[in-house]
Amino acid sequence: MRALLTLIAALLVTTAHAAAPTPLAPDPFTDVPSKHPNGTAIEYLRVNNVVRGYGDGTFKPEARINRAEFLQIITNPFLLSDVRTQECVRENIVNQSKETVFYSDVAKDAWFASPVCIATVQKIVNGYPDGTFRPGNYVTFVEAAKIVAGISGFLTTPSQDEPWYAPYIRKLSDGHAIPTTISTLDEVITRGEMAEMLWRMKEGITTKQSRTAEALMR
């Protein structure tokens, strides 16, 4: 009986270790010191297998992030649950002979086709009136606000007397998820700011200072 209990305990320990995620980037990023303004958020995404950084061990927190890169991150199952990442294109593009996914500039064989498909089906993103997605465009704060609010399940239709982005800015403001480094609505965000917004919304961080919707939209 004692031997059986010992075996069961060993199996439970082994299973627990097997279930623990192994970060895509096994070591902290070399250019994100512990005192970096977005350091906690970036490390949170790293250990939870959301970001892997670059081949040289850096994260480049001050670099800008484009629409395709952002969607690849936010469609990670850790952030967006119940997502079949490998099946979206096959299941949602009725005409399988078609060369593109929802937008004229998103080819089915592009590395970002699946994230774009998922975010579109989940109504987290929209394309432009000309039918393009423009994956290489850098992400502005108002675009990021809609996306980050969307992955938390927030979908809404703005009233006719306010800008389309207003409800999303208020959602992030209520969640204390707007970094104080954001000063204008149309500014391009950095990779560090992206991590900060995702971490705050995912974990419900309310202890850090945040920019308010009123300050940004006045």
N, C-alpha and C. Protein backbone atom coordinates (compact mmCIF):
# COMPACT_ATOMS: atom_id res chain seq x y z
N MET A 1 0.83 -1.21 0.00
CA MET A 1 0.00 0.00 0.00
C MET A 1 0.87 1.26 0.00
N ARG A 2 1.93 1.24 0.84
CA ARG A 2 2.83 2.39 0.90
C ARG A 2 3.51 2.61 -0.44
N ALA A 3 3.89 1.51 -1.08
CA ALA A 3 4.54 1.63 -2.40
C ALA A 3 3.59 2.23 -3.42
N LEU A 4 2.29 1.85 -3.35
CA LEU A 4 1.30 2.39 -4.28
C LEU A 4 1.13 3.89 -4.06
N LEU A 5 1.06 4.31 -2.79
CA LEU A 5 0.91 5.74 -2.49
C LEU A 5 2.12 6.52 -2.96
N THR A 6 3.30 5.93 -2.80
CA THR A 6 4.52 6.60 -3.25
C THR A 6 4.50 6.78 -4.76
N LEU A 7 4.04 5.74 -5.48
CA LEU A 7 3.96 5.81 -6.94
C LEU A 7 2.98 6.89 -7.38
N ILE A 8 1.81 6.96 -6.70
CA ILE A 8 0.80 7.97 -7.05
C ILE A 8 1.35 9.37 -6.82
N ALA A 9 2.03 9.57 -5.70
CA ALA A 9 2.61 10.89 -5.40
C ALA A 9 3.62 11.29 -6.45
N ALA A 10 4.44 10.32 -6.88
CA ALA A 10 5.45 10.60 -7.90
C ALA A 10 4.79 11.00 -9.21
N LEU A 11 3.70 10.30 -9.55
CA LEU A 11 3.00 10.62 -10.79
C LEU A 11 2.37 12.00 -10.73
N LEU A 12 1.83 12.38 -9.57
CA LEU A 12 1.23 13.71 -9.43
C LEU A 12 2.28 14.79 -9.59
N VAL A 13 3.46 14.61 -9.02
CA VAL A 13 4.54 15.58 -9.15
C VAL A 13 4.97 15.70 -10.59
N THR A 14 5.11 14.55 -11.26
CA THR A 14 5.52 14.55 -12.66
C THR A 14 4.50 15.26 -13.52
N THR A 15 3.20 14.99 -13.26
CA THR A 15 2.14 15.63 -14.04
C THR A 15 2.13 17.13 -13.83
N ALA A 16 2.35 17.56 -12.59
CA ALA A 16 2.37 19.00 -12.29
C ALA A 16 3.48 19.69 -13.05
N HIS A 17 4.66 19.05 -13.08
CA HIS A 17 5.78 19.63 -13.82
C HIS A 17 5.48 19.66 -15.32
N ALA A 18 4.84 18.61 -15.82
CA ALA A 18 4.54 18.54 -17.25
C ALA A 18 3.53 19.60 -17.65
N ALA A 19 2.61 19.93 -16.71
CA ALA A 19 1.56 20.89 -17.03
C ALA A 19 2.06 22.33 -17.02
N ALA A 20 3.16 22.57 -16.30
CA ALA A 20 3.68 23.93 -16.21
C ALA A 20 4.21 24.37 -17.58
N PRO A 21 3.79 25.54 -18.06
CA PRO A 21 4.24 25.98 -19.38
C PRO A 21 5.72 26.31 -19.40
N THR A 22 6.37 25.97 -20.47
CA THR A 22 7.77 26.34 -20.66
C THR A 22 7.81 27.60 -21.53
N PRO A 23 8.33 28.70 -20.99
CA PRO A 23 8.32 29.95 -21.77
C PRO A 23 9.03 29.79 -23.11
N LEU A 24 8.47 30.43 -24.14
CA LEU A 24 9.10 30.43 -25.45
C LEU A 24 10.48 31.06 -25.37
N ALA A 25 10.59 32.08 -24.51
CA ALA A 25 11.89 32.69 -24.22
C ALA A 25 12.28 32.23 -22.82
N PRO A 26 13.22 31.29 -22.69
CA PRO A 26 13.51 30.69 -21.39
C PRO A 26 14.14 31.63 -20.38
N ASP A 27 14.73 32.72 -20.83
CA ASP A 27 15.40 33.65 -19.93
C ASP A 27 14.81 35.05 -20.08
N PRO A 28 14.84 35.85 -19.01
CA PRO A 28 14.37 37.24 -19.11
C PRO A 28 15.08 37.97 -20.23
N PHE A 29 14.39 38.91 -20.85
CA PHE A 29 14.98 39.65 -21.97
C PHE A 29 16.11 40.55 -21.49
N THR A 30 17.19 40.56 -22.24
CA THR A 30 18.39 41.27 -21.83
C THR A 30 18.24 42.79 -21.83
N ASP A 31 17.26 43.29 -22.58
CA ASP A 31 17.08 44.75 -22.64
C ASP A 31 15.87 45.22 -21.84
N VAL A 32 15.39 44.36 -20.92
CA VAL A 32 14.27 44.73 -20.06
C VAL A 32 14.70 44.54 -18.60
N PRO A 33 15.39 45.53 -18.03
CA PRO A 33 15.81 45.42 -16.63
C PRO A 33 14.61 45.42 -15.70
N SER A 34 14.81 44.98 -14.48
CA SER A 34 13.70 44.87 -13.52
C SER A 34 13.04 46.21 -13.24
N LYS A 35 13.78 47.30 -13.41
CA LYS A 35 13.22 48.63 -13.12
C LYS A 35 12.61 49.29 -14.36
N HIS A 36 12.55 48.57 -15.47
CA HIS A 36 11.93 49.15 -16.67
C HIS A 36 10.46 49.44 -16.38
N PRO A 37 9.92 50.57 -16.85
CA PRO A 37 8.52 50.93 -16.58
C PRO A 37 7.51 49.83 -16.95
N ASN A 38 7.84 49.06 -17.98
CA ASN A 38 6.93 47.99 -18.41
C ASN A 38 7.50 46.61 -18.09
N GLY A 39 8.50 46.56 -17.23
CA GLY A 39 9.21 45.32 -16.97
C GLY A 39 8.34 44.20 -16.43
N THR A 40 7.48 44.50 -15.47
CA THR A 40 6.62 43.47 -14.88
C THR A 40 5.67 42.91 -15.93
N ALA A 41 5.11 43.79 -16.75
CA ALA A 41 4.16 43.35 -17.78
C ALA A 41 4.84 42.48 -18.83
N ILE A 42 6.01 42.87 -19.26
CA ILE A 42 6.74 42.10 -20.28
C ILE A 42 7.12 40.73 -19.74
N GLU A 43 7.59 40.70 -18.50
CA GLU A 43 7.96 39.42 -17.90
C GLU A 43 6.74 38.52 -17.73
N TYR A 44 5.60 39.10 -17.42
CA TYR A 44 4.35 38.36 -17.30
C TYR A 44 4.00 37.67 -18.62
N LEU A 45 4.13 38.39 -19.72
CA LEU A 45 3.83 37.80 -21.02
C LEU A 45 4.86 36.74 -21.40
N ARG A 46 6.11 36.97 -21.01
CA ARG A 46 7.16 35.99 -21.34
C ARG A 46 6.92 34.66 -20.64
N VAL A 47 6.71 34.70 -19.31
CA VAL A 47 6.59 33.44 -18.57
C VAL A 47 5.29 32.71 -18.89
N ASN A 48 4.33 33.42 -19.45
CA ASN A 48 3.07 32.78 -19.82
C ASN A 48 3.00 32.44 -21.30
N ASN A 49 4.17 32.40 -21.95
CA ASN A 49 4.28 31.91 -23.32
C ASN A 49 3.56 32.77 -24.35
N VAL A 50 3.43 34.06 -24.08
CA VAL A 50 2.75 34.95 -25.01
C VAL A 50 3.72 35.61 -25.97
N VAL A 51 4.91 35.98 -25.48
CA VAL A 51 5.91 36.62 -26.34
C VAL A 51 7.22 35.86 -26.24
N ARG A 52 7.98 35.89 -27.33
CA ARG A 52 9.26 35.20 -27.34
C ARG A 52 10.44 36.14 -27.55
N GLY A 53 10.17 37.39 -27.99
CA GLY A 53 11.27 38.31 -28.23
C GLY A 53 12.02 38.00 -29.51
N TYR A 54 13.26 38.45 -29.57
CA TYR A 54 14.09 38.29 -30.77
C TYR A 54 15.21 37.28 -30.53
N GLY A 55 15.83 36.86 -31.60
CA GLY A 55 16.86 35.83 -31.53
C GLY A 55 18.06 36.19 -30.69
N ASP A 56 18.30 37.49 -30.50
CA ASP A 56 19.45 37.92 -29.71
C ASP A 56 19.12 38.06 -28.23
N GLY A 57 17.92 37.62 -27.83
CA GLY A 57 17.55 37.67 -26.42
C GLY A 57 16.92 38.98 -25.98
N THR A 58 16.63 39.86 -26.92
CA THR A 58 16.03 41.15 -26.57
C THR A 58 14.53 41.15 -26.84
N PHE A 59 13.85 42.15 -26.29
CA PHE A 59 12.42 42.33 -26.54
C PHE A 59 12.13 43.60 -27.33
N LYS A 60 13.05 44.57 -27.23
CA LYS A 60 12.90 45.87 -27.89
C LYS A 60 11.60 46.57 -27.43
N PRO A 61 11.52 46.87 -26.13
CA PRO A 61 10.29 47.45 -25.59
C PRO A 61 9.94 48.82 -26.14
N GLU A 62 10.93 49.55 -26.65
CA GLU A 62 10.64 50.89 -27.16
C GLU A 62 10.28 50.89 -28.65
N ALA A 63 10.39 49.73 -29.29
CA ALA A 63 10.07 49.64 -30.71
C ALA A 63 8.56 49.67 -30.93
N ARG A 64 8.14 50.11 -32.10
CA ARG A 64 6.73 50.12 -32.44
C ARG A 64 6.29 48.72 -32.86
N ILE A 65 4.99 48.49 -32.83
CA ILE A 65 4.44 47.18 -33.17
C ILE A 65 3.39 47.34 -34.26
N ASN A 66 3.43 46.47 -35.27
CA ASN A 66 2.45 46.61 -36.36
C ASN A 66 1.21 45.75 -36.11
N ARG A 67 0.23 45.92 -36.96
CA ARG A 67 -1.07 45.27 -36.75
C ARG A 67 -0.97 43.74 -36.78
N ALA A 68 -0.16 43.21 -37.68
CA ALA A 68 -0.01 41.75 -37.77
C ALA A 68 0.66 41.20 -36.51
N GLU A 69 1.71 41.85 -36.05
CA GLU A 69 2.42 41.41 -34.84
C GLU A 69 1.50 41.46 -33.62
N PHE A 70 0.72 42.52 -33.53
CA PHE A 70 -0.18 42.67 -32.39
C PHE A 70 -1.22 41.55 -32.35
N LEU A 71 -1.76 41.22 -33.52
CA LEU A 71 -2.77 40.16 -33.54
C LEU A 71 -2.18 38.79 -33.23
N GLN A 72 -0.95 38.57 -33.64
CA GLN A 72 -0.31 37.30 -33.31
C GLN A 72 -0.21 37.14 -31.79
N ILE A 73 0.04 38.24 -31.09
CA ILE A 73 0.16 38.20 -29.63
C ILE A 73 -1.20 38.04 -28.97
N ILE A 74 -2.19 38.83 -29.38
CA ILE A 74 -3.46 38.82 -28.64
C ILE A 74 -4.31 37.57 -28.92
N THR A 75 -4.01 36.85 -30.01
CA THR A 75 -4.75 35.62 -30.26
C THR A 75 -4.09 34.40 -29.61
N ASN A 76 -3.08 34.65 -28.80
CA ASN A 76 -2.49 33.57 -28.01
C ASN A 76 -3.56 33.01 -27.07
N PRO A 77 -3.69 31.69 -26.96
CA PRO A 77 -4.74 31.09 -26.12
C PRO A 77 -4.73 31.57 -24.67
N PHE A 78 -3.58 31.99 -24.17
CA PHE A 78 -3.52 32.49 -22.79
C PHE A 78 -4.35 33.76 -22.63
N LEU A 79 -4.39 34.58 -23.69
CA LEU A 79 -5.13 35.83 -23.63
C LEU A 79 -6.54 35.69 -24.17
N LEU A 80 -6.70 34.90 -25.21
CA LEU A 80 -8.00 34.74 -25.86
C LEU A 80 -8.39 33.27 -25.79
N SER A 81 -9.20 32.93 -24.84
CA SER A 81 -9.52 31.52 -24.59
C SER A 81 -10.46 30.95 -25.65
N ASP A 82 -10.51 29.63 -25.70
CA ASP A 82 -11.40 28.90 -26.61
C ASP A 82 -11.15 29.25 -28.07
N VAL A 83 -9.89 29.36 -28.43
CA VAL A 83 -9.53 29.71 -29.81
C VAL A 83 -8.88 28.51 -30.47
N ARG A 84 -9.39 28.13 -31.64
CA ARG A 84 -8.80 27.05 -32.43
C ARG A 84 -7.86 27.70 -33.45
N THR A 85 -6.64 27.95 -33.03
CA THR A 85 -5.72 28.76 -33.83
C THR A 85 -5.41 28.16 -35.20
N GLN A 86 -5.42 26.86 -35.31
CA GLN A 86 -5.03 26.24 -36.57
C GLN A 86 -6.21 26.02 -37.52
N GLU A 87 -7.42 26.25 -37.05
CA GLU A 87 -8.58 25.89 -37.84
C GLU A 87 -9.36 27.08 -38.40
N CYS A 88 -9.04 28.27 -37.99
CA CYS A 88 -9.88 29.42 -38.33
C CYS A 88 -10.04 29.62 -39.84
N VAL A 89 -8.95 29.63 -40.56
CA VAL A 89 -9.02 29.88 -42.00
C VAL A 89 -9.83 28.80 -42.69
N ARG A 90 -9.57 27.55 -42.37
CA ARG A 90 -10.28 26.44 -43.01
C ARG A 90 -11.77 26.48 -42.70
N GLU A 91 -12.12 26.83 -41.48
CA GLU A 91 -13.51 26.78 -41.07
C GLU A 91 -14.33 28.00 -41.49
N ASN A 92 -13.66 29.12 -41.75
CA ASN A 92 -14.40 30.36 -41.99
C ASN A 92 -14.29 30.94 -43.39
N ILE A 93 -13.41 30.41 -44.20
CA ILE A 93 -13.33 30.86 -45.58
C ILE A 93 -14.08 29.85 -46.44
N VAL A 94 -15.29 30.19 -46.82
CA VAL A 94 -16.17 29.25 -47.53
C VAL A 94 -15.57 28.83 -48.86
N ASN A 95 -15.07 29.80 -49.60
CA ASN A 95 -14.46 29.51 -50.89
C ASN A 95 -12.98 29.15 -50.68
N GLN A 96 -12.70 27.85 -50.58
CA GLN A 96 -11.35 27.42 -50.26
C GLN A 96 -10.35 27.69 -51.39
N SER A 97 -10.85 27.99 -52.58
CA SER A 97 -9.94 28.31 -53.68
C SER A 97 -9.50 29.77 -53.62
N LYS A 98 -10.12 30.54 -52.76
CA LYS A 98 -9.79 31.94 -52.64
C LYS A 98 -8.39 32.10 -52.05
N GLU A 99 -7.63 33.06 -52.55
CA GLU A 99 -6.23 33.21 -52.15
C GLU A 99 -6.05 34.07 -50.91
N THR A 100 -7.11 34.77 -50.47
CA THR A 100 -6.96 35.69 -49.36
C THR A 100 -7.94 35.35 -48.22
N VAL A 101 -7.69 35.96 -47.05
CA VAL A 101 -8.50 35.74 -45.85
C VAL A 101 -9.17 37.04 -45.44
N PHE A 102 -10.43 37.18 -45.75
CA PHE A 102 -11.26 38.34 -45.38
C PHE A 102 -10.84 39.66 -46.04
N TYR A 103 -9.55 39.89 -46.20
CA TYR A 103 -9.06 41.16 -46.74
C TYR A 103 -8.17 40.90 -47.95
N SER A 104 -8.15 41.86 -48.86
CA SER A 104 -7.41 41.66 -50.11
C SER A 104 -5.91 41.58 -49.92
N ASP A 105 -5.39 42.08 -48.78
CA ASP A 105 -3.93 42.07 -48.56
C ASP A 105 -3.50 41.07 -47.49
N VAL A 106 -4.37 40.08 -47.19
CA VAL A 106 -4.01 39.02 -46.24
C VAL A 106 -4.07 37.69 -46.97
N ALA A 107 -2.94 37.25 -47.49
CA ALA A 107 -2.87 35.99 -48.23
C ALA A 107 -3.05 34.80 -47.29
N LYS A 108 -3.65 33.74 -47.79
CA LYS A 108 -3.92 32.56 -46.97
C LYS A 108 -2.63 31.91 -46.44
N ASP A 109 -1.54 32.08 -47.18
CA ASP A 109 -0.29 31.47 -46.72
C ASP A 109 0.60 32.44 -45.94
N ALA A 110 0.09 33.62 -45.60
CA ALA A 110 0.86 34.58 -44.82
C ALA A 110 0.96 34.10 -43.38
N TRP A 111 2.07 34.41 -42.71
CA TRP A 111 2.26 33.94 -41.33
C TRP A 111 1.21 34.51 -40.38
N PHE A 112 0.61 35.64 -40.76
CA PHE A 112 -0.36 36.29 -39.89
C PHE A 112 -1.81 36.00 -40.30
N ALA A 113 -2.02 35.11 -41.28
CA ALA A 113 -3.38 34.83 -41.76
C ALA A 113 -4.28 34.30 -40.66
N SER A 114 -3.80 33.35 -39.87
CA SER A 114 -4.62 32.78 -38.81
C SER A 114 -4.98 33.79 -37.72
N PRO A 115 -4.01 34.58 -37.19
CA PRO A 115 -4.37 35.60 -36.20
C PRO A 115 -5.37 36.62 -36.73
N VAL A 116 -5.21 37.04 -37.99
CA VAL A 116 -6.15 37.99 -38.59
C VAL A 116 -7.53 37.36 -38.69
N CYS A 117 -7.58 36.11 -39.09
CA CYS A 117 -8.85 35.39 -39.20
C CYS A 117 -9.54 35.32 -37.84
N ILE A 118 -8.81 34.91 -36.82
CA ILE A 118 -9.39 34.77 -35.48
C ILE A 118 -9.92 36.10 -34.96
N ALA A 119 -9.11 37.14 -35.06
CA ALA A 119 -9.52 38.45 -34.54
C ALA A 119 -10.71 39.01 -35.30
N THR A 120 -10.80 38.70 -36.59
CA THR A 120 -11.94 39.16 -37.38
C THR A 120 -13.21 38.42 -37.00
N VAL A 121 -13.12 37.11 -36.88
CA VAL A 121 -14.28 36.30 -36.51
C VAL A 121 -14.78 36.68 -35.12
N GLN A 122 -13.86 37.00 -34.22
CA GLN A 122 -14.22 37.39 -32.86
C GLN A 122 -14.67 38.84 -32.78
N LYS A 123 -14.67 39.53 -33.93
CA LYS A 123 -15.09 40.94 -34.01
C LYS A 123 -14.20 41.87 -33.20
N ILE A 124 -12.94 41.49 -33.08
CA ILE A 124 -11.98 42.32 -32.35
C ILE A 124 -11.38 43.38 -33.26
N VAL A 125 -11.25 43.06 -34.55
CA VAL A 125 -10.69 44.02 -35.50
C VAL A 125 -11.59 44.14 -36.73
N ASN A 126 -11.40 45.24 -37.44
CA ASN A 126 -12.06 45.46 -38.72
C ASN A 126 -11.01 45.90 -39.72
N GLY A 127 -11.33 45.74 -40.97
CA GLY A 127 -10.44 46.25 -42.00
C GLY A 127 -10.78 47.69 -42.34
N TYR A 128 -10.27 48.14 -43.45
CA TYR A 128 -10.52 49.50 -43.92
C TYR A 128 -11.60 49.48 -45.00
N PRO A 129 -12.20 50.63 -45.28
CA PRO A 129 -13.28 50.68 -46.27
C PRO A 129 -12.90 50.15 -47.65
N ASP A 130 -11.61 50.18 -47.98
CA ASP A 130 -11.19 49.69 -49.29
C ASP A 130 -10.98 48.17 -49.32
N GLY A 131 -11.32 47.49 -48.23
CA GLY A 131 -11.20 46.03 -48.20
C GLY A 131 -9.84 45.50 -47.80
N THR A 132 -8.97 46.37 -47.32
CA THR A 132 -7.63 45.94 -46.90
C THR A 132 -7.56 45.87 -45.38
N PHE A 133 -6.52 45.19 -44.90
CA PHE A 133 -6.25 45.13 -43.47
C PHE A 133 -5.02 45.94 -43.09
N ARG A 134 -4.08 46.06 -44.02
CA ARG A 134 -2.83 46.81 -43.82
C ARG A 134 -2.04 46.27 -42.62
N PRO A 135 -1.61 45.02 -42.73
CA PRO A 135 -0.94 44.37 -41.60
C PRO A 135 0.37 45.03 -41.18
N GLY A 136 1.01 45.74 -42.10
CA GLY A 136 2.27 46.37 -41.76
C GLY A 136 2.15 47.72 -41.09
N ASN A 137 0.94 48.26 -41.00
CA ASN A 137 0.74 49.56 -40.35
C ASN A 137 1.01 49.45 -38.85
N TYR A 138 1.65 50.47 -38.29
CA TYR A 138 1.87 50.48 -36.85
C TYR A 138 0.56 50.74 -36.12
N VAL A 139 0.45 50.17 -34.93
CA VAL A 139 -0.79 50.25 -34.15
C VAL A 139 -0.84 51.56 -33.37
N THR A 140 -1.95 52.28 -33.52
CA THR A 140 -2.15 53.50 -32.73
C THR A 140 -2.86 53.15 -31.43
N PHE A 141 -2.86 54.10 -30.51
CA PHE A 141 -3.48 53.82 -29.22
C PHE A 141 -4.96 53.49 -29.34
N VAL A 142 -5.70 54.23 -30.16
CA VAL A 142 -7.14 53.95 -30.26
C VAL A 142 -7.39 52.56 -30.84
N GLU A 143 -6.55 52.14 -31.79
CA GLU A 143 -6.69 50.78 -32.33
C GLU A 143 -6.39 49.75 -31.25
N ALA A 144 -5.32 50.01 -30.48
CA ALA A 144 -4.95 49.08 -29.41
C ALA A 144 -6.03 49.00 -28.35
N ALA A 145 -6.68 50.13 -28.06
CA ALA A 145 -7.75 50.13 -27.05
C ALA A 145 -8.90 49.22 -27.47
N LYS A 146 -9.29 49.29 -28.75
CA LYS A 146 -10.37 48.43 -29.24
C LYS A 146 -9.99 46.96 -29.16
N ILE A 147 -8.74 46.65 -29.53
CA ILE A 147 -8.29 45.27 -29.54
C ILE A 147 -8.20 44.71 -28.11
N VAL A 148 -7.57 45.48 -27.21
CA VAL A 148 -7.40 45.01 -25.83
C VAL A 148 -8.76 44.86 -25.15
N ALA A 149 -9.65 45.80 -25.37
CA ALA A 149 -11.00 45.68 -24.80
C ALA A 149 -11.73 44.48 -25.40
N GLY A 150 -11.49 44.22 -26.67
CA GLY A 150 -12.14 43.11 -27.36
C GLY A 150 -11.76 41.75 -26.82
N ILE A 151 -10.49 41.56 -26.46
CA ILE A 151 -10.09 40.24 -25.97
C ILE A 151 -10.63 39.97 -24.57
N SER A 152 -11.08 41.01 -23.89
CA SER A 152 -11.72 40.80 -22.58
C SER A 152 -13.23 40.62 -22.74
N GLY A 153 -13.68 40.51 -24.00
CA GLY A 153 -15.09 40.24 -24.27
C GLY A 153 -15.94 41.48 -24.40
N PHE A 154 -15.32 42.65 -24.47
CA PHE A 154 -16.08 43.89 -24.55
C PHE A 154 -16.35 44.25 -26.00
N LEU A 155 -17.60 44.14 -26.40
CA LEU A 155 -18.03 44.51 -27.73
C LEU A 155 -19.20 45.47 -27.60
N THR A 156 -19.16 46.55 -28.35
CA THR A 156 -20.22 47.54 -28.21
C THR A 156 -20.39 48.32 -29.50
N THR A 157 -21.45 49.06 -29.59
CA THR A 157 -21.69 49.96 -30.71
C THR A 157 -21.75 51.38 -30.15
N PRO A 158 -20.79 52.23 -30.53
CA PRO A 158 -20.78 53.59 -30.00
C PRO A 158 -22.06 54.34 -30.38
N SER A 159 -22.44 55.28 -29.54
CA SER A 159 -23.60 56.11 -29.86
C SER A 159 -23.24 57.06 -30.99
N GLN A 160 -24.24 57.60 -31.65
CA GLN A 160 -24.02 58.45 -32.82
C GLN A 160 -23.36 59.78 -32.47
N ASP A 161 -23.43 60.18 -31.23
CA ASP A 161 -22.90 61.49 -30.86
C ASP A 161 -21.49 61.41 -30.26
N GLU A 162 -20.80 60.29 -30.43
CA GLU A 162 -19.44 60.18 -29.94
C GLU A 162 -18.56 59.40 -30.93
N PRO A 163 -17.24 59.58 -30.87
CA PRO A 163 -16.34 58.86 -31.78
C PRO A 163 -16.41 57.35 -31.55
N TRP A 164 -16.06 56.58 -32.58
CA TRP A 164 -16.15 55.12 -32.50
C TRP A 164 -15.30 54.53 -31.38
N TYR A 165 -14.20 55.21 -31.06
CA TYR A 165 -13.26 54.66 -30.10
C TYR A 165 -13.62 54.98 -28.64
N ALA A 166 -14.55 55.87 -28.40
CA ALA A 166 -14.83 56.35 -27.05
C ALA A 166 -15.14 55.23 -26.04
N PRO A 167 -16.02 54.27 -26.37
CA PRO A 167 -16.33 53.22 -25.38
C PRO A 167 -15.11 52.37 -25.01
N TYR A 168 -14.22 52.17 -25.97
CA TYR A 168 -13.04 51.34 -25.71
C TYR A 168 -12.04 52.08 -24.81
N ILE A 169 -11.91 53.39 -25.04
CA ILE A 169 -11.02 54.18 -24.19
C ILE A 169 -11.55 54.18 -22.76
N ARG A 170 -12.85 54.33 -22.60
CA ARG A 170 -13.44 54.31 -21.26
C ARG A 170 -13.26 52.95 -20.59
N LYS A 171 -13.39 51.87 -21.39
CA LYS A 171 -13.21 50.52 -20.84
C LYS A 171 -11.81 50.35 -20.26
N LEU A 172 -10.80 50.77 -21.01
CA LEU A 172 -9.44 50.67 -20.52
C LEU A 172 -9.20 51.61 -19.35
N SER A 173 -9.79 52.78 -19.42
CA SER A 173 -9.64 53.75 -18.32
C SER A 173 -10.23 53.19 -17.03
N ASP A 174 -11.42 52.59 -17.13
CA ASP A 174 -12.05 52.00 -15.95
C ASP A 174 -11.21 50.86 -15.37
N GLY A 175 -10.46 50.18 -16.23
CA GLY A 175 -9.61 49.09 -15.79
C GLY A 175 -8.20 49.52 -15.42
N HIS A 176 -7.96 50.83 -15.37
CA HIS A 176 -6.63 51.37 -15.06
C HIS A 176 -5.57 50.80 -16.00
N ALA A 177 -5.94 50.63 -17.25
CA ALA A 177 -5.06 49.93 -18.20
C ALA A 177 -4.42 50.85 -19.24
N ILE A 178 -4.47 52.15 -19.04
CA ILE A 178 -3.84 53.07 -19.98
C ILE A 178 -2.54 53.58 -19.37
N PRO A 179 -1.39 53.19 -19.90
CA PRO A 179 -0.11 53.65 -19.35
C PRO A 179 -0.03 55.18 -19.37
N THR A 180 0.64 55.74 -18.40
CA THR A 180 0.78 57.19 -18.33
C THR A 180 1.65 57.75 -19.45
N THR A 181 2.36 56.88 -20.14
CA THR A 181 3.18 57.33 -21.27
C THR A 181 2.33 57.66 -22.50
N ILE A 182 1.06 57.26 -22.48
CA ILE A 182 0.15 57.58 -23.58
C ILE A 182 -0.38 59.00 -23.37
N SER A 183 -0.16 59.87 -24.35
CA SER A 183 -0.59 61.26 -24.18
C SER A 183 -1.58 61.73 -25.23
N THR A 184 -1.66 61.02 -26.37
CA THR A 184 -2.61 61.39 -27.41
C THR A 184 -3.29 60.14 -27.95
N LEU A 185 -4.47 60.31 -28.51
CA LEU A 185 -5.25 59.18 -28.99
C LEU A 185 -4.63 58.51 -30.21
N ASP A 186 -4.02 59.29 -31.08
CA ASP A 186 -3.53 58.74 -32.35
C ASP A 186 -2.05 58.39 -32.34
N GLU A 187 -1.41 58.40 -31.18
CA GLU A 187 0.01 58.08 -31.17
C GLU A 187 0.24 56.59 -31.35
N VAL A 188 1.35 56.25 -31.96
CA VAL A 188 1.72 54.85 -32.17
C VAL A 188 2.28 54.29 -30.87
N ILE A 189 1.79 53.12 -30.46
CA ILE A 189 2.24 52.54 -29.20
C ILE A 189 3.52 51.74 -29.39
N THR A 190 4.22 51.53 -28.28
CA THR A 190 5.43 50.72 -28.28
C THR A 190 5.10 49.29 -27.84
N ARG A 191 6.05 48.40 -28.04
CA ARG A 191 5.87 47.02 -27.60
C ARG A 191 5.71 46.94 -26.07
N GLY A 192 6.43 47.82 -25.37
CA GLY A 192 6.31 47.85 -23.92
C GLY A 192 4.94 48.32 -23.47
N GLU A 193 4.40 49.34 -24.13
CA GLU A 193 3.06 49.83 -23.78
C GLU A 193 2.00 48.78 -24.09
N MET A 194 2.21 48.06 -25.19
CA MET A 194 1.30 46.97 -25.54
C MET A 194 1.26 45.94 -24.42
N ALA A 195 2.44 45.54 -23.93
CA ALA A 195 2.51 44.55 -22.86
C ALA A 195 1.84 45.08 -21.59
N GLU A 196 2.04 46.35 -21.31
CA GLU A 196 1.45 46.95 -20.11
C GLU A 196 -0.07 46.91 -20.14
N MET A 197 -0.66 47.25 -21.28
CA MET A 197 -2.12 47.24 -21.39
C MET A 197 -2.68 45.83 -21.25
N LEU A 198 -2.03 44.86 -21.90
CA LEU A 198 -2.50 43.48 -21.83
C LEU A 198 -2.42 42.92 -20.41
N TRP A 199 -1.31 43.18 -19.74
CA TRP A 199 -1.11 42.69 -18.37
C TRP A 199 -2.15 43.28 -17.42
N ARG A 200 -2.34 44.59 -17.52
CA ARG A 200 -3.29 45.24 -16.60
C ARG A 200 -4.71 44.74 -16.80
N MET A 201 -5.12 44.59 -18.05
CA MET A 201 -6.48 44.12 -18.32
C MET A 201 -6.65 42.65 -17.94
N LYS A 202 -5.67 41.83 -18.26
CA LYS A 202 -5.78 40.40 -17.98
C LYS A 202 -5.82 40.12 -16.48
N GLU A 203 -4.99 40.81 -15.73
CA GLU A 203 -4.88 40.54 -14.30
C GLU A 203 -5.69 41.49 -13.43
N GLY A 204 -6.34 42.48 -14.05
CA GLY A 204 -7.13 43.42 -13.26
C GLY A 204 -6.28 44.29 -12.35
N ILE A 205 -5.15 44.72 -12.87
CA ILE A 205 -4.22 45.55 -12.07
C ILE A 205 -4.80 46.95 -11.92
N THR A 206 -5.07 47.35 -10.71
CA THR A 206 -5.62 48.69 -10.46
C THR A 206 -4.73 49.53 -9.56
N THR A 207 -3.59 48.99 -9.21
CA THR A 207 -2.71 49.69 -8.26
C THR A 207 -1.72 50.62 -8.95
N LYS A 208 -1.61 50.54 -10.27
CA LYS A 208 -0.66 51.38 -10.98
C LYS A 208 -1.37 52.61 -11.55
N GLN A 209 -0.64 53.70 -11.58
CA GLN A 209 -1.21 54.94 -12.10
C GLN A 209 -1.58 54.78 -13.57
N SER A 210 -2.72 55.34 -13.95
CA SER A 210 -3.23 55.18 -15.31
C SER A 210 -3.72 56.51 -15.85
N ARG A 211 -3.58 56.68 -17.16
CA ARG A 211 -4.17 57.85 -17.83
C ARG A 211 -5.67 57.64 -17.89
N THR A 212 -6.42 58.70 -17.73
CA THR A 212 -7.88 58.58 -17.74
C THR A 212 -8.46 58.91 -19.11
N ALA A 213 -9.65 58.38 -19.36
CA ALA A 213 -10.35 58.67 -20.61
C ALA A 213 -10.63 60.16 -20.73
N GLU A 214 -11.00 60.78 -19.62
CA GLU A 214 -11.31 62.20 -19.64
C GLU A 214 -10.10 63.03 -20.07
N ALA A 215 -8.93 62.66 -19.59
CA ALA A 215 -7.73 63.41 -19.93
C ALA A 215 -7.36 63.27 -21.40
N LEU A 216 -7.63 62.09 -21.97
CA LEU A 216 -7.25 61.84 -23.36
C LEU A 216 -8.27 62.39 -24.36
N MET A 217 -9.54 62.41 -23.97
CA MET A 217 -10.59 62.78 -24.93
C MET A 217 -11.15 64.20 -24.74
N ARG A 218 -10.55 64.95 -23.85
CA ARG A 218 -11.06 66.30 -23.62
C ARG A 218 -10.71 67.23 -24.78
